[in-house]
Amino acid sequence: ALPEVEDALYAVSFEVFRAHPTYYVATLGVGFVRMFGIDPPFMRGDAATVWAWLLVGWNVCVLLGALVGLVQLARHHRWRVFGWVFLIGGYYTAGTLIAKNAALVGRERAILLPFMFILLAYGLGSVRMANRPTPPRENSLT
């Protein structure tokens, strides 16, 4: 958007926040759900088709998988990766929720998708490796 339009959007956002802070905070959950595409189709005014529900299911799986990956990074003490991904994801999510909140659509999460898929892959790999049977150890004394 043009700088003038962005300035006007931010001005209105902060004006609403100052006038109605409790309502604004109450709608943060709606913004989060919309940003990550886990809202039911009827909340968006879309037809509740099978495809729409499959998309919601996919988005839930990606989000949960990313959370599993974040937990696995913490469990394995991979603090540098954890910190950078958490910092970038948290900064972008918080900034977007502050600026747009309930007016969010799925395209706002596009910048986070690479990070989410990296976390998903790390989480799946970690869970897979944890459930893999370990080979018997050879006795080095014999």
C-alpha atoms as a PDB file:
ATOM      1  CA  ALA A   1       0.000   0.000   0.000  1.00  0.00           C
ATOM      2  CA  LEU A   2       1.013   3.602  -0.423  1.00  0.00           C
ATOM      3  CA  PRO A   3       2.660   5.256   2.595  1.00  0.00           C
ATOM      4  CA  GLU A   4      -0.324   7.573   3.021  1.00  0.00           C
ATOM      5  CA  VAL A   5      -2.701   4.621   3.130  1.00  0.00           C
ATOM      6  CA  GLU A   6      -0.494   2.745   5.617  1.00  0.00           C
ATOM      7  CA  ASP A   7      -0.284   5.823   7.833  1.00  0.00           C
ATOM      8  CA  ALA A   8      -4.066   6.151   7.763  1.00  0.00           C
ATOM      9  CA  LEU A   9      -4.527   2.456   8.621  1.00  0.00           C
ATOM     10  CA  TYR A  10      -2.118   2.664  11.555  1.00  0.00           C
ATOM     11  CA  ALA A  11      -3.746   5.866  12.792  1.00  0.00           C
ATOM     12  CA  VAL A  12      -7.191   4.245  12.783  1.00  0.00           C
ATOM     13  CA  SER A  13      -5.804   1.086  14.449  1.00  0.00           C
ATOM     14  CA  PHE A  14      -4.243   3.017  17.312  1.00  0.00           C
ATOM     15  CA  GLU A  15      -7.291   5.258  17.652  1.00  0.00           C
ATOM     16  CA  VAL A  16      -9.549   2.218  18.065  1.00  0.00           C
ATOM     17  CA  PHE A  17      -7.072   0.642  20.486  1.00  0.00           C
ATOM     18  CA  ARG A  18      -6.960   3.780  22.653  1.00  0.00           C
ATOM     19  CA  ALA A  19     -10.743   4.174  22.619  1.00  0.00           C
ATOM     20  CA  HIS A  20     -11.624   0.500  23.275  1.00  0.00           C
ATOM     21  CA  PRO A  21      -8.608  -1.404  24.650  1.00  0.00           C
ATOM     22  CA  THR A  22     -10.626  -4.258  26.183  1.00  0.00           C
ATOM     23  CA  TYR A  23     -12.537  -4.906  22.967  1.00  0.00           C
ATOM     24  CA  TYR A  24      -9.326  -4.754  21.006  1.00  0.00           C
ATOM     25  CA  VAL A  25      -7.596  -7.282  23.261  1.00  0.00           C
ATOM     26  CA  ALA A  26     -10.688  -9.502  23.171  1.00  0.00           C
ATOM     27  CA  THR A  27     -10.438  -9.711  19.375  1.00  0.00           C
ATOM     28  CA  LEU A  28      -6.767 -10.774  19.324  1.00  0.00           C
ATOM     29  CA  GLY A  29      -7.832 -14.428  19.317  1.00  0.00           C
ATOM     30  CA  VAL A  30      -9.972 -13.849  16.238  1.00  0.00           C
ATOM     31  CA  GLY A  31      -7.038 -12.171  14.491  1.00  0.00           C
ATOM     32  CA  PHE A  32      -4.678 -15.028  15.397  1.00  0.00           C
ATOM     33  CA  VAL A  33      -7.128 -17.660  14.161  1.00  0.00           C
ATOM     34  CA  ARG A  34      -7.667 -15.793  10.901  1.00  0.00           C
ATOM     35  CA  MET A  35      -3.973 -15.124  10.386  1.00  0.00           C
ATOM     36  CA  PHE A  36      -3.085 -18.795  10.599  1.00  0.00           C
ATOM     37  CA  GLY A  37      -6.121 -19.967   8.608  1.00  0.00           C
ATOM     38  CA  ILE A  38      -7.598 -22.138  11.346  1.00  0.00           C
ATOM     39  CA  ASP A  39     -10.969 -20.421  11.426  1.00  0.00           C
ATOM     40  CA  PRO A  40     -14.010 -22.359  10.225  1.00  0.00           C
ATOM     41  CA  PRO A  41     -15.192 -21.357   6.736  1.00  0.00           C
ATOM     42  CA  PHE A  42     -18.475 -19.929   8.001  1.00  0.00           C
ATOM     43  CA  MET A  43     -16.505 -17.388  10.112  1.00  0.00           C
ATOM     44  CA  ARG A  44     -15.050 -15.985   6.888  1.00  0.00           C
ATOM     45  CA  GLY A  45     -18.358 -15.987   5.082  1.00  0.00           C
ATOM     46  CA  ASP A  46     -17.188 -18.835   2.818  1.00  0.00           C
ATOM     47  CA  ALA A  47     -19.229 -21.849   1.892  1.00  0.00           C
ATOM     48  CA  ALA A  48     -18.503 -24.774   4.207  1.00  0.00           C
ATOM     49  CA  THR A  49     -17.340 -27.088   1.448  1.00  0.00           C
ATOM     50  CA  VAL A  50     -15.262 -30.197   1.953  1.00  0.00           C
ATOM     51  CA  TRP A  51     -12.306 -28.411   0.355  1.00  0.00           C
ATOM     52  CA  ALA A  52     -12.606 -25.490   2.810  1.00  0.00           C
ATOM     53  CA  TRP A  53     -12.619 -27.876   5.779  1.00  0.00           C
ATOM     54  CA  LEU A  54      -9.642 -29.791   4.367  1.00  0.00           C
ATOM     55  CA  LEU A  55      -7.755 -26.509   4.102  1.00  0.00           C
ATOM     56  CA  VAL A  56      -8.560 -25.696   7.735  1.00  0.00           C
ATOM     57  CA  GLY A  57      -7.351 -29.182   8.711  1.00  0.00           C
ATOM     58  CA  TRP A  58      -4.122 -28.696   6.752  1.00  0.00           C
ATOM     59  CA  ASN A  59      -3.496 -25.330   8.410  1.00  0.00           C
ATOM     60  CA  VAL A  60      -4.116 -26.823  11.864  1.00  0.00           C
ATOM     61  CA  CYS A  61      -1.652 -29.647  11.106  1.00  0.00           C
ATOM     62  CA  VAL A  62       1.012 -27.200   9.901  1.00  0.00           C
ATOM     63  CA  LEU A  63       0.559 -24.968  12.963  1.00  0.00           C
ATOM     64  CA  LEU A  64       0.642 -27.910  15.403  1.00  0.00           C
ATOM     65  CA  GLY A  65       3.639 -29.393  13.591  1.00  0.00           C
ATOM     66  CA  ALA A  66       5.470 -26.073  13.853  1.00  0.00           C
ATOM     67  CA  LEU A  67       4.702 -25.970  17.578  1.00  0.00           C
ATOM     68  CA  VAL A  68       6.043 -29.525  17.952  1.00  0.00           C
ATOM     69  CA  GLY A  69       9.213 -28.442  16.145  1.00  0.00           C
ATOM     70  CA  LEU A  70       9.578 -25.440  18.444  1.00  0.00           C
ATOM     71  CA  VAL A  71       9.205 -27.679  21.498  1.00  0.00           C
ATOM     72  CA  GLN A  72      11.728 -30.161  20.067  1.00  0.00           C
ATOM     73  CA  LEU A  73      14.236 -27.351  19.468  1.00  0.00           C
ATOM     74  CA  ALA A  74      13.888 -26.354  23.116  1.00  0.00           C
ATOM     75  CA  ARG A  75      14.154 -29.968  24.314  1.00  0.00           C
ATOM     76  CA  HIS A  76      17.353 -30.465  22.303  1.00  0.00           C
ATOM     77  CA  HIS A  77      18.776 -27.152  23.564  1.00  0.00           C
ATOM     78  CA  ARG A  78      19.048 -25.701  20.067  1.00  0.00           C
ATOM     79  CA  TRP A  79      18.656 -22.230  21.554  1.00  0.00           C
ATOM     80  CA  ARG A  80      20.110 -20.226  18.693  1.00  0.00           C
ATOM     81  CA  VAL A  81      17.692 -21.653  16.119  1.00  0.00           C
ATOM     82  CA  PHE A  82      14.840 -21.567  18.641  1.00  0.00           C
ATOM     83  CA  GLY A  83      15.567 -17.941  19.477  1.00  0.00           C
ATOM     84  CA  TRP A  84      15.779 -16.722  15.900  1.00  0.00           C
ATOM     85  CA  VAL A  85      12.661 -18.528  14.728  1.00  0.00           C
ATOM     86  CA  PHE A  86      10.714 -17.502  17.823  1.00  0.00           C
ATOM     87  CA  LEU A  87      11.926 -13.905  17.568  1.00  0.00           C
ATOM     88  CA  ILE A  88      11.105 -13.530  13.873  1.00  0.00           C
ATOM     89  CA  GLY A  89       7.789 -15.378  14.122  1.00  0.00           C
ATOM     90  CA  GLY A  90       6.730 -13.613  17.304  1.00  0.00           C
ATOM     91  CA  TYR A  91       7.716 -10.182  16.030  1.00  0.00           C
ATOM     92  CA  TYR A  92       5.877 -10.608  12.754  1.00  0.00           C
ATOM     93  CA  THR A  93       2.793 -12.174  14.367  1.00  0.00           C
ATOM     94  CA  ALA A  94       2.555  -9.559  17.124  1.00  0.00           C
ATOM     95  CA  GLY A  95       3.150  -6.673  14.725  1.00  0.00           C
ATOM     96  CA  THR A  96       0.551  -7.929  12.299  1.00  0.00           C
ATOM     97  CA  LEU A  97      -2.003  -8.512  15.051  1.00  0.00           C
ATOM     98  CA  ILE A  98      -1.423  -5.022  16.435  1.00  0.00           C
ATOM     99  CA  ALA A  99      -1.791  -3.379  13.030  1.00  0.00           C
ATOM    100  CA  LYS A 100      -4.694  -5.341  11.537  1.00  0.00           C
ATOM    101  CA  ASN A 101      -6.068  -7.713  14.176  1.00  0.00           C
ATOM    102  CA  ALA A 102      -9.560  -8.941  13.227  1.00  0.00           C
ATOM    103  CA  ALA A 103      -9.211  -7.790   9.599  1.00  0.00           C
ATOM    104  CA  LEU A 104      -6.539 -10.412   8.907  1.00  0.00           C
ATOM    105  CA  VAL A 105      -6.631 -12.904   6.079  1.00  0.00           C
ATOM    106  CA  GLY A 106      -4.453 -15.918   5.365  1.00  0.00           C
ATOM    107  CA  ARG A 107      -1.970 -14.126   3.143  1.00  0.00           C
ATOM    108  CA  GLU A 108      -0.487 -12.373   6.179  1.00  0.00           C
ATOM    109  CA  ARG A 109       1.082 -15.651   7.301  1.00  0.00           C
ATOM    110  CA  ALA A 110       2.868 -16.189   3.965  1.00  0.00           C
ATOM    111  CA  ILE A 111       6.123 -14.757   5.312  1.00  0.00           C
ATOM    112  CA  LEU A 112       5.991 -17.216   8.232  1.00  0.00           C
ATOM    113  CA  LEU A 113       5.321 -20.351   6.184  1.00  0.00           C
ATOM    114  CA  PRO A 114       8.998 -21.176   5.437  1.00  0.00           C
ATOM    115  CA  PHE A 115       9.789 -20.995   9.154  1.00  0.00           C
ATOM    116  CA  MET A 116       6.721 -23.057   9.996  1.00  0.00           C
ATOM    117  CA  PHE A 117       7.676 -25.780   7.524  1.00  0.00           C
ATOM    118  CA  ILE A 118      11.263 -25.853   8.820  1.00  0.00           C
ATOM    119  CA  LEU A 119       9.919 -26.295  12.344  1.00  0.00           C
ATOM    120  CA  LEU A 120       7.472 -28.927  11.106  1.00  0.00           C
ATOM    121  CA  ALA A 121      10.267 -30.881   9.428  1.00  0.00           C
ATOM    122  CA  TYR A 122      12.490 -30.639  12.508  1.00  0.00           C
ATOM    123  CA  GLY A 123       9.650 -31.754  14.762  1.00  0.00           C
ATOM    124  CA  LEU A 124       8.718 -34.709  12.567  1.00  0.00           C
ATOM    125  CA  GLY A 125      12.356 -35.741  12.231  1.00  0.00           C
ATOM    126  CA  SER A 126      12.905 -35.522  15.979  1.00  0.00           C
ATOM    127  CA  VAL A 127       9.796 -37.531  16.784  1.00  0.00           C
ATOM    128  CA  ARG A 128      10.730 -40.108  14.151  1.00  0.00           C
ATOM    129  CA  MET A 129      14.264 -40.464  15.476  1.00  0.00           C
ATOM    130  CA  ALA A 130      13.010 -40.765  19.068  1.00  0.00           C
ATOM    131  CA  ASN A 131      10.682 -43.626  18.118  1.00  0.00           C
ATOM    132  CA  ARG A 132      13.290 -45.487  16.078  1.00  0.00           C
ATOM    133  CA  PRO A 133      14.524 -48.679  17.708  1.00  0.00           C
ATOM    134  CA  THR A 134      18.124 -48.434  18.807  1.00  0.00           C
ATOM    135  CA  PRO A 135      20.438 -51.186  17.642  1.00  0.00           C
ATOM    136  CA  PRO A 136      21.891 -53.401  20.367  1.00  0.00           C
ATOM    137  CA  ARG A 137      25.274 -52.246  21.598  1.00  0.00           C
ATOM    138  CA  GLU A 138      28.241 -54.451  21.064  1.00  0.00           C
ATOM    139  CA  ASN A 139      30.216 -55.422  24.092  1.00  0.00           C
ATOM    140  CA  SER A 140      33.652 -53.907  23.566  1.00  0.00           C
ATOM    141  CA  LEU A 141      35.212 -56.102  26.255  1.00  0.00           C
ATOM    142  CA  THR A 142      34.803 -59.370  24.368  1.00  0.00           C
END
